[in-house]
Amino acid sequence: MNVIVNIHGGNDKVNFNVQHVRNVIRDERKKIFDISDVQAGLDLLHRLNEESGSKYFIRTEVDEDNHLKCLVWIDLRCLMAYQNFGDVIFDRAYRINRYAVSFVPFTGVNHHYQSMIFRFALMRVNFSYLA
């Protein structure tokens, strides 16, 4: 981007920015590899799960357009901690990004009053109730 700005004589003479360049690169990768970032991430999670001997629980939900709606990932250690300590705090409002996806930690407290993560999810927020 710096080279293009220098060639054209300044930022004001270039009608695109770094994010535009990233978007073009992403779109070209999708054409070449015929896979989206989300699908590549899901494929990686499933491959890691298979390589570990299914030591993780993965659940995904997609909408009618095949867009990821929810992803839940739990490992055995977190599952055992949940079974031992039980009570869960669930905060869906934490850090909603520009794609309306929030990171949802499921936390609790162990017998030493220390916070523990039992599981987490990535969930797309539905803003239709605001309309």
Protein backbone atom coordinates (compact mmCIF):
# COMPACT_ATOMS: atom_id res chain seq x y z
CA MET A 1 0.00 0.00 0.00
CA ASN A 2 2.88 2.35 0.82
CA VAL A 3 4.39 1.76 -2.63
CA ILE A 4 1.10 2.62 -4.36
CA VAL A 5 0.68 5.77 -2.24
CA ASN A 6 4.25 6.86 -3.06
CA ILE A 7 3.78 6.22 -6.79
CA HIS A 8 0.57 8.28 -6.92
CA GLY A 9 1.84 11.09 -4.69
CA GLY A 10 -0.16 10.69 -1.48
CA ASN A 11 -3.11 9.05 0.28
CA ASP A 12 -5.54 11.62 -1.09
CA LYS A 13 -4.78 10.51 -4.67
CA VAL A 14 -5.49 6.81 -3.98
CA ASN A 15 -9.18 5.97 -3.75
CA PHE A 16 -8.81 2.75 -1.73
CA ASN A 17 -7.23 1.70 1.56
CA VAL A 18 -5.57 -1.31 3.17
CA GLN A 19 -8.92 -2.89 4.03
CA HIS A 20 -9.95 -2.78 0.36
CA VAL A 21 -6.72 -4.59 -0.54
CA ARG A 22 -7.36 -7.23 2.13
CA ASN A 23 -10.89 -7.75 0.82
CA VAL A 24 -9.61 -8.29 -2.72
CA ILE A 25 -6.99 -10.77 -1.50
CA ARG A 26 -9.65 -12.65 0.53
CA ASP A 27 -11.97 -12.82 -2.49
CA GLU A 28 -9.18 -14.06 -4.76
CA ARG A 29 -8.17 -16.74 -2.25
CA LYS A 30 -11.76 -17.89 -2.11
CA LYS A 31 -11.86 -18.19 -5.91
CA ILE A 32 -8.56 -20.07 -6.04
CA PHE A 33 -9.10 -22.41 -3.11
CA ASP A 34 -12.92 -22.48 -3.31
CA ILE A 35 -13.25 -22.26 0.46
CA SER A 36 -14.25 -19.53 2.88
CA ASP A 37 -12.37 -18.49 6.03
CA VAL A 38 -15.12 -19.95 8.17
CA GLN A 39 -15.09 -23.27 6.34
CA ALA A 40 -11.29 -23.42 6.55
CA GLY A 41 -11.50 -22.79 10.31
CA LEU A 42 -14.17 -25.45 10.78
CA ASP A 43 -12.17 -27.93 8.72
CA LEU A 44 -9.15 -27.24 10.95
CA LEU A 45 -11.18 -27.77 14.14
CA HIS A 46 -12.60 -31.06 12.86
CA ARG A 47 -9.16 -32.24 11.72
CA LEU A 48 -7.65 -31.39 15.13
CA ASN A 49 -10.49 -33.27 16.79
CA GLU A 50 -9.89 -36.35 14.64
CA GLU A 51 -6.12 -36.23 15.26
CA SER A 52 -6.69 -36.01 19.03
CA GLY A 53 -8.92 -39.08 19.06
CA SER A 54 -12.14 -37.07 19.45
CA LYS A 55 -11.10 -35.41 22.71
CA TYR A 56 -13.25 -32.39 21.88
CA PHE A 57 -16.94 -31.78 21.40
CA ILE A 58 -17.73 -29.56 18.42
CA ARG A 59 -21.22 -28.46 17.42
CA THR A 60 -22.09 -26.03 14.67
CA GLU A 61 -25.32 -24.56 13.39
CA VAL A 62 -25.82 -22.83 10.07
CA ASP A 63 -28.69 -20.72 8.77
CA GLU A 64 -30.72 -21.16 5.59
CA ASP A 65 -27.94 -19.45 3.57
CA ASN A 66 -25.33 -21.87 4.98
CA HIS A 67 -23.74 -19.11 7.08
CA LEU A 68 -22.37 -20.07 10.47
CA LYS A 69 -24.88 -19.25 13.20
CA CYS A 70 -23.25 -20.89 16.21
CA LEU A 71 -20.07 -22.79 17.06
CA VAL A 72 -19.58 -24.56 20.39
CA TRP A 73 -16.21 -26.12 21.30
CA ILE A 74 -15.66 -28.10 24.51
CA ASP A 75 -12.64 -30.14 25.55
CA LEU A 76 -12.77 -33.03 28.03
CA ARG A 77 -11.07 -31.11 30.83
CA CYS A 78 -13.65 -28.33 30.66
CA LEU A 79 -16.47 -30.86 30.48
CA MET A 80 -15.20 -32.64 33.60
CA ALA A 81 -14.86 -29.31 35.43
CA TYR A 82 -18.46 -28.49 34.52
CA GLN A 83 -19.63 -31.87 35.82
CA ASN A 84 -17.74 -31.33 39.09
CA PHE A 85 -18.59 -27.68 39.76
CA GLY A 86 -21.81 -27.15 37.79
CA ASP A 87 -23.08 -23.56 38.06
CA VAL A 88 -22.46 -21.57 34.89
CA ILE A 89 -22.29 -17.86 34.15
CA PHE A 90 -23.27 -17.11 30.56
CA ASP A 91 -22.53 -13.69 29.02
CA ARG A 92 -23.62 -13.35 25.40
CA ALA A 93 -23.04 -9.58 25.21
CA TYR A 94 -19.24 -9.84 25.40
CA ARG A 95 -17.39 -8.30 22.41
CA ILE A 96 -19.78 -8.41 19.46
CA ASN A 97 -17.73 -7.88 16.30
CA ARG A 98 -18.65 -6.26 12.98
CA TYR A 99 -20.15 -9.53 11.73
CA ALA A 100 -22.58 -9.56 14.69
CA VAL A 101 -20.74 -12.57 16.15
CA SER A 102 -20.07 -12.61 19.85
CA PHE A 103 -17.63 -14.67 21.89
CA VAL A 104 -19.67 -16.37 24.61
CA PRO A 105 -17.70 -17.77 27.54
CA PHE A 106 -19.36 -20.24 29.89
CA THR A 107 -17.57 -19.70 33.18
CA GLY A 108 -17.96 -20.87 36.74
CA VAL A 109 -16.12 -21.13 40.03
CA ASN A 110 -14.21 -24.12 41.39
CA HIS A 111 -13.87 -25.21 45.02
CA HIS A 112 -11.00 -22.69 45.49
CA TYR A 113 -13.26 -19.83 44.28
CA GLN A 114 -11.20 -19.51 41.11
CA SER A 115 -12.85 -18.71 37.80
CA MET A 116 -12.92 -21.55 35.29
CA ILE A 117 -13.95 -21.70 31.66
CA PHE A 118 -16.28 -24.63 31.07
CA ARG A 119 -16.79 -24.04 27.37
CA PHE A 120 -17.11 -21.25 24.85
CA ALA A 121 -19.17 -20.49 21.81
CA LEU A 122 -19.17 -18.12 18.89
CA MET A 123 -22.73 -17.02 18.26
CA ARG A 124 -24.21 -14.70 15.68
CA VAL A 125 -26.42 -12.10 17.32
CA ASN A 126 -29.87 -11.62 15.84
CA PHE A 127 -30.72 -7.93 15.85
CA SER A 128 -34.14 -8.45 14.23
CA TYR A 129 -35.85 -8.04 17.61
CA LEU A 130 -34.69 -4.38 17.61
CA ALA A 131 -36.60 -3.54 14.42
